[in-house]
Amino acid sequence: MGSVSFIKNKLKPLYDLYEYILIDCRPTLTLLTINGLVAANGVLIPCATEYFSVIGIKLLLNTIEEVRQRPNPFIEILGILPTKYDSRNRHDKDALDELFGSFTDHYKIFDPINKTTRFNDASVEGRPILEISPKHSVTENYYKVADFIIEHYAKRN
């Protein structure tokens, strides 16, 4: 059990110093992802508007249920955030429709984050997109997600 609690144990000294700690995990179900889920209070599920990403959500939800069974019964799902969305692409529209059709009854689906070359620019510059393009439409959607999370946890305290 110690290996799945590694991140949680390392973060414990920081709990009193920060209101929020974000853990960004790769989109794979590895031990690192399990560690992140064990350490988390809430999970925001980013999902590229691609067929296999949407299918992968079901696997992630099963994993979250397993984590709830033992190491972290208090973890909650905050919602699903569609990403890399291009409204001109039929495949993206179909994937977004599938997200809404399959998950809306149980989870909040956020407004999609549109695909933009500004993400590539941010990566090249080694800076967050919120810093290099604070007024861009995609950053506005990220602000909405952040506001939702802050309000959600403010209501719980």
N, C-alpha and C. Protein backbone atom coordinates (compact mmCIF):
# COMPACT_ATOMS: atom_id res chain seq x y z
N MET A 1 0.83 -1.20 0.00
CA MET A 1 0.00 0.00 0.00
C MET A 1 0.87 1.26 0.00
N GLY A 2 2.11 1.15 0.49
CA GLY A 2 2.97 2.32 0.58
C GLY A 2 3.31 2.91 -0.78
N SER A 3 3.48 2.07 -1.81
CA SER A 3 3.86 2.59 -3.12
C SER A 3 2.76 3.43 -3.75
N VAL A 4 1.49 3.12 -3.47
CA VAL A 4 0.41 3.93 -4.05
C VAL A 4 0.15 5.20 -3.24
N SER A 5 0.75 5.31 -2.08
CA SER A 5 0.59 6.50 -1.24
C SER A 5 1.82 7.40 -1.25
N PHE A 6 2.75 7.13 -2.13
CA PHE A 6 4.01 7.88 -2.16
C PHE A 6 3.77 9.38 -2.32
N ILE A 7 2.99 9.78 -3.32
CA ILE A 7 2.76 11.22 -3.55
C ILE A 7 2.00 11.83 -2.38
N LYS A 8 0.99 11.13 -1.89
CA LYS A 8 0.22 11.64 -0.76
C LYS A 8 1.13 11.90 0.45
N ASN A 9 2.00 10.97 0.73
CA ASN A 9 2.91 11.13 1.87
C ASN A 9 3.89 12.29 1.65
N LYS A 10 4.35 12.47 0.43
CA LYS A 10 5.27 13.58 0.14
C LYS A 10 4.58 14.94 0.23
N LEU A 11 3.28 14.97 -0.07
CA LEU A 11 2.54 16.23 -0.06
C LEU A 11 2.05 16.64 1.33
N LYS A 12 1.95 15.71 2.25
CA LYS A 12 1.39 16.01 3.58
C LYS A 12 1.96 17.27 4.23
N PRO A 13 3.28 17.50 4.19
CA PRO A 13 3.80 18.72 4.82
C PRO A 13 3.31 20.02 4.16
N LEU A 14 2.77 19.93 2.95
CA LEU A 14 2.32 21.12 2.23
C LEU A 14 0.85 21.44 2.43
N TYR A 15 0.09 20.51 3.00
CA TYR A 15 -1.37 20.69 3.12
C TYR A 15 -1.75 21.96 3.88
N ASP A 16 -1.01 22.31 4.89
CA ASP A 16 -1.34 23.51 5.66
C ASP A 16 -0.84 24.80 5.00
N LEU A 17 0.02 24.67 4.00
CA LEU A 17 0.59 25.84 3.34
C LEU A 17 -0.20 26.29 2.11
N TYR A 18 -0.97 25.37 1.52
CA TYR A 18 -1.69 25.67 0.28
C TYR A 18 -3.15 25.27 0.37
N GLU A 19 -4.00 26.08 -0.25
CA GLU A 19 -5.42 25.72 -0.33
C GLU A 19 -5.65 24.68 -1.41
N TYR A 20 -4.91 24.77 -2.51
CA TYR A 20 -5.07 23.87 -3.64
C TYR A 20 -3.71 23.37 -4.07
N ILE A 21 -3.63 22.09 -4.35
CA ILE A 21 -2.45 21.48 -4.93
C ILE A 21 -2.92 20.71 -6.14
N LEU A 22 -2.41 21.06 -7.32
CA LEU A 22 -2.82 20.39 -8.55
C LEU A 22 -1.77 19.35 -8.91
N ILE A 23 -2.24 18.17 -9.23
CA ILE A 23 -1.37 17.08 -9.67
C ILE A 23 -1.77 16.77 -11.11
N ASP A 24 -0.88 16.99 -12.03
CA ASP A 24 -1.15 16.75 -13.45
C ASP A 24 -0.52 15.41 -13.83
N CYS A 25 -1.36 14.45 -14.16
CA CYS A 25 -0.87 13.12 -14.52
C CYS A 25 -0.98 12.90 -16.02
N ARG A 26 -0.09 12.10 -16.54
CA ARG A 26 -0.15 11.74 -17.96
C ARG A 26 -1.44 10.96 -18.23
N PRO A 27 -1.89 10.97 -19.46
CA PRO A 27 -3.15 10.28 -19.78
C PRO A 27 -2.98 8.77 -19.95
N THR A 28 -2.37 8.17 -18.95
CA THR A 28 -2.21 6.71 -18.94
C THR A 28 -2.53 6.22 -17.53
N LEU A 29 -2.95 4.98 -17.44
CA LEU A 29 -3.28 4.41 -16.13
C LEU A 29 -2.07 3.65 -15.60
N THR A 30 -1.12 4.42 -15.07
CA THR A 30 0.11 3.85 -14.52
C THR A 30 0.10 4.02 -13.00
N LEU A 31 1.16 3.53 -12.36
CA LEU A 31 1.30 3.69 -10.92
C LEU A 31 1.33 5.17 -10.53
N LEU A 32 1.89 6.01 -11.39
CA LEU A 32 1.91 7.45 -11.12
C LEU A 32 0.49 8.00 -11.07
N THR A 33 -0.37 7.57 -11.99
CA THR A 33 -1.76 8.02 -11.99
C THR A 33 -2.47 7.54 -10.73
N ILE A 34 -2.25 6.29 -10.36
CA ILE A 34 -2.86 5.75 -9.13
C ILE A 34 -2.40 6.57 -7.93
N ASN A 35 -1.12 6.90 -7.88
CA ASN A 35 -0.59 7.73 -6.79
C ASN A 35 -1.29 9.08 -6.75
N GLY A 36 -1.50 9.69 -7.90
CA GLY A 36 -2.19 10.97 -7.97
C GLY A 36 -3.62 10.86 -7.46
N LEU A 37 -4.31 9.78 -7.83
CA LEU A 37 -5.69 9.57 -7.39
C LEU A 37 -5.77 9.32 -5.88
N VAL A 38 -4.82 8.61 -5.35
CA VAL A 38 -4.79 8.34 -3.90
C VAL A 38 -4.56 9.63 -3.13
N ALA A 39 -3.78 10.55 -3.70
CA ALA A 39 -3.46 11.81 -3.02
C ALA A 39 -4.55 12.88 -3.20
N ALA A 40 -5.46 12.68 -4.16
CA ALA A 40 -6.39 13.73 -4.55
C ALA A 40 -7.67 13.75 -3.73
N ASN A 41 -8.21 14.95 -3.57
CA ASN A 41 -9.57 15.11 -3.05
C ASN A 41 -10.57 15.09 -4.20
N GLY A 42 -10.17 15.69 -5.32
CA GLY A 42 -11.04 15.78 -6.48
C GLY A 42 -10.26 15.53 -7.75
N VAL A 43 -11.00 15.09 -8.77
CA VAL A 43 -10.38 14.78 -10.05
C VAL A 43 -11.10 15.56 -11.15
N LEU A 44 -10.34 16.27 -11.94
CA LEU A 44 -10.83 16.90 -13.14
C LEU A 44 -10.28 16.05 -14.28
N ILE A 45 -11.16 15.54 -15.12
CA ILE A 45 -10.74 14.63 -16.19
C ILE A 45 -10.67 15.39 -17.51
N PRO A 46 -9.45 15.72 -17.96
CA PRO A 46 -9.34 16.32 -19.29
C PRO A 46 -9.49 15.20 -20.32
N CYS A 47 -10.16 15.50 -21.42
CA CYS A 47 -10.39 14.50 -22.45
C CYS A 47 -10.31 15.14 -23.82
N ALA A 48 -9.30 14.76 -24.58
CA ALA A 48 -9.22 15.25 -25.95
C ALA A 48 -10.46 14.78 -26.70
N THR A 49 -10.96 15.59 -27.59
CA THR A 49 -12.16 15.22 -28.34
C THR A 49 -11.76 14.28 -29.47
N GLU A 50 -11.32 13.10 -29.04
CA GLU A 50 -10.89 12.02 -29.93
C GLU A 50 -11.52 10.73 -29.43
N TYR A 51 -11.82 9.83 -30.33
CA TYR A 51 -12.52 8.60 -30.00
C TYR A 51 -11.87 7.84 -28.85
N PHE A 52 -10.58 7.56 -28.94
CA PHE A 52 -9.93 6.74 -27.92
C PHE A 52 -9.84 7.45 -26.58
N SER A 53 -9.78 8.76 -26.59
CA SER A 53 -9.79 9.50 -25.32
C SER A 53 -11.12 9.35 -24.61
N VAL A 54 -12.20 9.43 -25.37
CA VAL A 54 -13.54 9.27 -24.79
C VAL A 54 -13.70 7.86 -24.24
N ILE A 55 -13.24 6.86 -24.98
CA ILE A 55 -13.30 5.47 -24.51
C ILE A 55 -12.46 5.32 -23.24
N GLY A 56 -11.32 6.01 -23.18
CA GLY A 56 -10.43 5.92 -22.03
C GLY A 56 -11.05 6.43 -20.74
N ILE A 57 -12.02 7.31 -20.84
CA ILE A 57 -12.67 7.83 -19.63
C ILE A 57 -13.32 6.69 -18.85
N LYS A 58 -13.94 5.77 -19.55
CA LYS A 58 -14.58 4.64 -18.87
C LYS A 58 -13.56 3.83 -18.07
N LEU A 59 -12.38 3.62 -18.63
CA LEU A 59 -11.32 2.91 -17.91
C LEU A 59 -10.87 3.70 -16.68
N LEU A 60 -10.72 5.01 -16.86
CA LEU A 60 -10.32 5.86 -15.74
C LEU A 60 -11.38 5.84 -14.64
N LEU A 61 -12.64 5.90 -15.01
CA LEU A 61 -13.72 5.86 -14.01
C LEU A 61 -13.70 4.55 -13.24
N ASN A 62 -13.40 3.45 -13.92
CA ASN A 62 -13.27 2.16 -13.22
C ASN A 62 -12.11 2.20 -12.24
N THR A 63 -11.01 2.80 -12.65
CA THR A 63 -9.84 2.91 -11.78
C THR A 63 -10.17 3.78 -10.56
N ILE A 64 -10.88 4.88 -10.78
CA ILE A 64 -11.27 5.75 -9.66
C ILE A 64 -12.15 4.98 -8.69
N GLU A 65 -13.06 4.17 -9.20
CA GLU A 65 -13.90 3.34 -8.32
C GLU A 65 -13.06 2.39 -7.49
N GLU A 66 -12.04 1.79 -8.09
CA GLU A 66 -11.14 0.89 -7.35
C GLU A 66 -10.39 1.66 -6.26
N VAL A 67 -9.96 2.87 -6.57
CA VAL A 67 -9.25 3.69 -5.59
C VAL A 67 -10.21 4.04 -4.44
N ARG A 68 -11.47 4.28 -4.76
CA ARG A 68 -12.47 4.58 -3.72
C ARG A 68 -12.69 3.39 -2.79
N GLN A 69 -12.50 2.20 -3.26
CA GLN A 69 -12.75 1.01 -2.45
C GLN A 69 -11.80 0.90 -1.27
N ARG A 70 -10.56 1.34 -1.45
CA ARG A 70 -9.61 1.20 -0.35
C ARG A 70 -8.80 2.42 -0.03
N PRO A 71 -7.85 2.77 -0.88
CA PRO A 71 -6.92 3.80 -0.39
C PRO A 71 -7.50 5.20 -0.27
N ASN A 72 -8.57 5.54 -1.03
CA ASN A 72 -9.07 6.91 -0.97
C ASN A 72 -10.59 6.94 -1.19
N PRO A 73 -11.36 6.64 -0.16
CA PRO A 73 -12.82 6.61 -0.31
C PRO A 73 -13.45 7.99 -0.50
N PHE A 74 -12.70 9.06 -0.31
CA PHE A 74 -13.27 10.40 -0.36
C PHE A 74 -13.06 11.12 -1.69
N ILE A 75 -12.39 10.50 -2.63
CA ILE A 75 -12.11 11.15 -3.91
C ILE A 75 -13.42 11.41 -4.66
N GLU A 76 -13.52 12.59 -5.26
CA GLU A 76 -14.72 12.93 -6.03
C GLU A 76 -14.33 13.39 -7.42
N ILE A 77 -15.23 13.21 -8.35
CA ILE A 77 -15.00 13.64 -9.71
C ILE A 77 -15.65 15.00 -9.89
N LEU A 78 -14.84 15.99 -10.22
CA LEU A 78 -15.31 17.37 -10.39
C LEU A 78 -15.96 17.58 -11.75
N GLY A 79 -15.54 16.82 -12.73
CA GLY A 79 -16.12 16.95 -14.06
C GLY A 79 -15.16 16.51 -15.13
N ILE A 80 -15.63 16.64 -16.36
CA ILE A 80 -14.85 16.26 -17.54
C ILE A 80 -14.63 17.51 -18.37
N LEU A 81 -13.37 17.73 -18.75
CA LEU A 81 -13.00 18.92 -19.52
C LEU A 81 -12.57 18.50 -20.93
N PRO A 82 -13.45 18.69 -21.92
CA PRO A 82 -13.05 18.37 -23.30
C PRO A 82 -11.94 19.32 -23.76
N THR A 83 -10.93 18.78 -24.40
CA THR A 83 -9.79 19.58 -24.85
C THR A 83 -9.49 19.30 -26.33
N LYS A 84 -8.65 20.16 -26.88
CA LYS A 84 -8.21 20.04 -28.28
C LYS A 84 -9.39 19.99 -29.25
N TYR A 85 -10.41 20.77 -28.93
CA TYR A 85 -11.63 20.74 -29.73
C TYR A 85 -11.53 21.66 -30.94
N ASP A 86 -11.89 21.13 -32.10
CA ASP A 86 -11.95 21.91 -33.33
C ASP A 86 -13.35 21.73 -33.91
N SER A 87 -14.16 22.77 -33.81
CA SER A 87 -15.56 22.69 -34.23
C SER A 87 -15.72 22.46 -35.73
N ARG A 88 -14.65 22.65 -36.49
CA ARG A 88 -14.71 22.40 -37.94
C ARG A 88 -14.57 20.93 -38.26
N ASN A 89 -14.13 20.15 -37.29
CA ASN A 89 -13.85 18.73 -37.51
C ASN A 89 -15.04 17.89 -37.04
N ARG A 90 -15.63 17.13 -37.94
CA ARG A 90 -16.79 16.30 -37.60
C ARG A 90 -16.45 15.29 -36.49
N HIS A 91 -15.26 14.73 -36.56
CA HIS A 91 -14.85 13.76 -35.55
C HIS A 91 -14.85 14.39 -34.15
N ASP A 92 -14.38 15.61 -34.05
CA ASP A 92 -14.38 16.32 -32.77
C ASP A 92 -15.81 16.54 -32.28
N LYS A 93 -16.69 16.94 -33.20
CA LYS A 93 -18.10 17.14 -32.83
C LYS A 93 -18.73 15.84 -32.35
N ASP A 94 -18.43 14.74 -33.05
CA ASP A 94 -18.97 13.43 -32.65
C ASP A 94 -18.45 13.02 -31.27
N ALA A 95 -17.17 13.26 -31.03
CA ALA A 95 -16.58 12.91 -29.73
C ALA A 95 -17.20 13.75 -28.62
N LEU A 96 -17.41 15.04 -28.89
CA LEU A 96 -18.03 15.91 -27.90
C LEU A 96 -19.48 15.47 -27.63
N ASP A 97 -20.20 15.12 -28.69
CA ASP A 97 -21.57 14.60 -28.52
C ASP A 97 -21.56 13.33 -27.68
N GLU A 98 -20.58 12.47 -27.90
CA GLU A 98 -20.47 11.22 -27.12
C GLU A 98 -20.21 11.53 -25.64
N LEU A 99 -19.36 12.50 -25.37
CA LEU A 99 -19.10 12.91 -23.99
C LEU A 99 -20.39 13.36 -23.31
N PHE A 100 -21.11 14.25 -23.99
CA PHE A 100 -22.36 14.76 -23.41
C PHE A 100 -23.40 13.64 -23.30
N GLY A 101 -23.47 12.79 -24.31
CA GLY A 101 -24.45 11.71 -24.29
C GLY A 101 -24.18 10.65 -23.25
N SER A 102 -22.91 10.36 -23.00
CA SER A 102 -22.56 9.27 -22.09
C SER A 102 -22.39 9.69 -20.64
N PHE A 103 -22.00 10.94 -20.40
CA PHE A 103 -21.58 11.30 -19.05
C PHE A 103 -22.36 12.43 -18.39
N THR A 104 -23.17 13.16 -19.12
CA THR A 104 -23.86 14.33 -18.57
C THR A 104 -24.74 13.99 -17.38
N ASP A 105 -25.35 12.82 -17.38
CA ASP A 105 -26.25 12.45 -16.28
C ASP A 105 -25.51 12.30 -14.95
N HIS A 106 -24.21 12.03 -15.00
CA HIS A 106 -23.46 11.75 -13.78
C HIS A 106 -22.38 12.77 -13.46
N TYR A 107 -21.89 13.48 -14.48
CA TYR A 107 -20.76 14.37 -14.28
C TYR A 107 -20.97 15.69 -15.00
N LYS A 108 -20.35 16.72 -14.46
CA LYS A 108 -20.36 18.03 -15.13
C LYS A 108 -19.43 17.93 -16.34
N ILE A 109 -19.92 18.40 -17.47
CA ILE A 109 -19.08 18.51 -18.66
C ILE A 109 -18.83 20.00 -18.89
N PHE A 110 -17.58 20.40 -18.84
CA PHE A 110 -17.22 21.80 -19.01
C PHE A 110 -17.25 22.19 -20.49
N ASP A 111 -17.30 23.49 -20.75
CA ASP A 111 -17.16 23.97 -22.13
C ASP A 111 -15.82 23.51 -22.67
N PRO A 112 -15.78 23.10 -23.94
CA PRO A 112 -14.53 22.57 -24.48
C PRO A 112 -13.44 23.63 -24.62
N ILE A 113 -12.22 23.17 -24.47
CA ILE A 113 -11.05 24.00 -24.72
C ILE A 113 -10.70 23.82 -26.19
N ASN A 114 -10.77 24.88 -26.95
CA ASN A 114 -10.52 24.80 -28.39
C ASN A 114 -9.06 24.56 -28.69
N LYS A 115 -8.83 23.87 -29.78
CA LYS A 115 -7.48 23.63 -30.26
C LYS A 115 -6.93 24.96 -30.79
N THR A 116 -5.71 25.27 -30.45
CA THR A 116 -5.09 26.51 -30.92
C THR A 116 -3.57 26.34 -30.97
N THR A 117 -2.94 27.05 -31.88
CA THR A 117 -1.48 26.99 -31.97
C THR A 117 -0.83 27.71 -30.79
N ARG A 118 -1.60 28.47 -30.02
CA ARG A 118 -1.03 29.17 -28.86
C ARG A 118 -0.49 28.17 -27.83
N PHE A 119 -1.08 26.95 -27.77
CA PHE A 119 -0.53 25.93 -26.87
C PHE A 119 0.88 25.55 -27.30
N ASN A 120 1.09 25.40 -28.60
CA ASN A 120 2.43 25.10 -29.10
C ASN A 120 3.40 26.24 -28.80
N ASP A 121 2.91 27.46 -29.00
CA ASP A 121 3.75 28.63 -28.70
C ASP A 121 4.16 28.63 -27.22
N ALA A 122 3.21 28.32 -26.37
CA ALA A 122 3.50 28.30 -24.93
C ALA A 122 4.54 27.22 -24.61
N SER A 123 4.39 26.05 -25.24
CA SER A 123 5.36 24.97 -25.00
C SER A 123 6.76 25.38 -25.44
N VAL A 124 6.85 25.99 -26.62
CA VAL A 124 8.16 26.43 -27.13
C VAL A 124 8.79 27.45 -26.19
N GLU A 125 7.96 28.36 -25.67
CA GLU A 125 8.46 29.39 -24.77
C GLU A 125 8.68 28.87 -23.35
N GLY A 126 8.15 27.68 -23.06
CA GLY A 126 8.30 27.13 -21.71
C GLY A 126 7.51 27.91 -20.67
N ARG A 127 6.39 28.48 -21.11
CA ARG A 127 5.55 29.28 -20.21
C ARG A 127 4.10 28.82 -20.35
N PRO A 128 3.29 29.01 -19.33
CA PRO A 128 1.87 28.62 -19.43
C PRO A 128 1.11 29.53 -20.38
N ILE A 129 0.12 28.97 -21.06
CA ILE A 129 -0.68 29.75 -21.99
C ILE A 129 -1.39 30.90 -21.28
N LEU A 130 -1.73 30.70 -20.02
CA LEU A 130 -2.39 31.77 -19.26
C LEU A 130 -1.50 32.99 -19.11
N GLU A 131 -0.20 32.75 -19.20
CA GLU A 131 0.75 33.86 -19.07
C GLU A 131 1.02 34.53 -20.42
N ILE A 132 1.13 33.75 -21.48
CA ILE A 132 1.47 34.36 -22.77
C ILE A 132 0.25 34.89 -23.52
N SER A 133 -0.94 34.36 -23.22
CA SER A 133 -2.17 34.82 -23.89
C SER A 133 -3.31 34.93 -22.89
N PRO A 134 -3.21 35.85 -21.93
CA PRO A 134 -4.22 35.91 -20.87
C PRO A 134 -5.63 36.26 -21.35
N LYS A 135 -5.77 36.86 -22.52
CA LYS A 135 -7.10 37.25 -23.01
C LYS A 135 -7.62 36.32 -24.10
N HIS A 136 -6.87 35.28 -24.44
CA HIS A 136 -7.30 34.35 -25.48
C HIS A 136 -8.54 33.59 -25.02
N SER A 137 -9.40 33.20 -25.95
CA SER A 137 -10.65 32.52 -25.58
C SER A 137 -10.41 31.21 -24.82
N VAL A 138 -9.34 30.49 -25.13
CA VAL A 138 -9.10 29.25 -24.40
C VAL A 138 -8.74 29.53 -22.94
N THR A 139 -8.07 30.63 -22.70
CA THR A 139 -7.73 30.94 -21.32
C THR A 139 -8.98 31.29 -20.53
N GLU A 140 -9.95 31.90 -21.19
CA GLU A 140 -11.22 32.22 -20.52
C GLU A 140 -11.89 30.94 -20.04
N ASN A 141 -11.85 29.89 -20.84
CA ASN A 141 -12.45 28.62 -20.42
C ASN A 141 -11.68 28.02 -19.24
N TYR A 142 -10.37 28.16 -19.23
CA TYR A 142 -9.60 27.67 -18.09
C TYR A 142 -9.94 28.46 -16.82
N TYR A 143 -10.15 29.76 -16.97
CA TYR A 143 -10.55 30.55 -15.81
C TYR A 143 -11.90 30.09 -15.28
N LYS A 144 -12.82 29.74 -16.17
CA LYS A 144 -14.13 29.24 -15.75
C LYS A 144 -13.99 27.94 -14.96
N VAL A 145 -13.12 27.06 -15.42
CA VAL A 145 -12.89 25.80 -14.71
C VAL A 145 -12.30 26.08 -13.33
N ALA A 146 -11.32 26.97 -13.28
CA ALA A 146 -10.70 27.33 -12.00
C ALA A 146 -11.74 27.94 -11.05
N ASP A 147 -12.57 28.82 -11.56
CA ASP A 147 -13.62 29.42 -10.73
C ASP A 147 -14.57 28.36 -10.19
N PHE A 148 -14.93 27.40 -11.03
CA PHE A 148 -15.82 26.31 -10.59
C PHE A 148 -15.19 25.53 -9.43
N ILE A 149 -13.92 25.19 -9.59
CA ILE A 149 -13.23 24.40 -8.55
C ILE A 149 -13.15 25.20 -7.25
N ILE A 150 -12.79 26.47 -7.34
CA ILE A 150 -12.69 27.30 -6.14
C ILE A 150 -14.05 27.42 -5.46
N GLU A 151 -15.10 27.67 -6.23
CA GLU A 151 -16.45 27.77 -5.65
C GLU A 151 -16.91 26.45 -5.05
N HIS A 152 -16.59 25.36 -5.74
CA HIS A 152 -16.99 24.03 -5.25
C HIS A 152 -16.41 23.76 -3.86
N TYR A 153 -15.11 24.01 -3.71
CA TYR A 153 -14.48 23.73 -2.42
C TYR A 153 -14.81 24.78 -1.37
N ALA A 154 -15.12 26.01 -1.80
CA ALA A 154 -15.52 27.04 -0.84
C ALA A 154 -16.86 26.66 -0.20
N LYS A 155 -17.74 26.06 -0.97
CA LYS A 155 -19.05 25.63 -0.45
C LYS A 155 -18.90 24.49 0.56
N ARG A 156 -17.86 23.70 0.42
CA ARG A 156 -17.67 22.55 1.29
C ARG A 156 -17.03 22.93 2.62
N ASN A 157 -16.40 24.08 2.67
CA ASN A 157 -15.71 24.48 3.92
C ASN A 157 -16.56 25.33 4.80
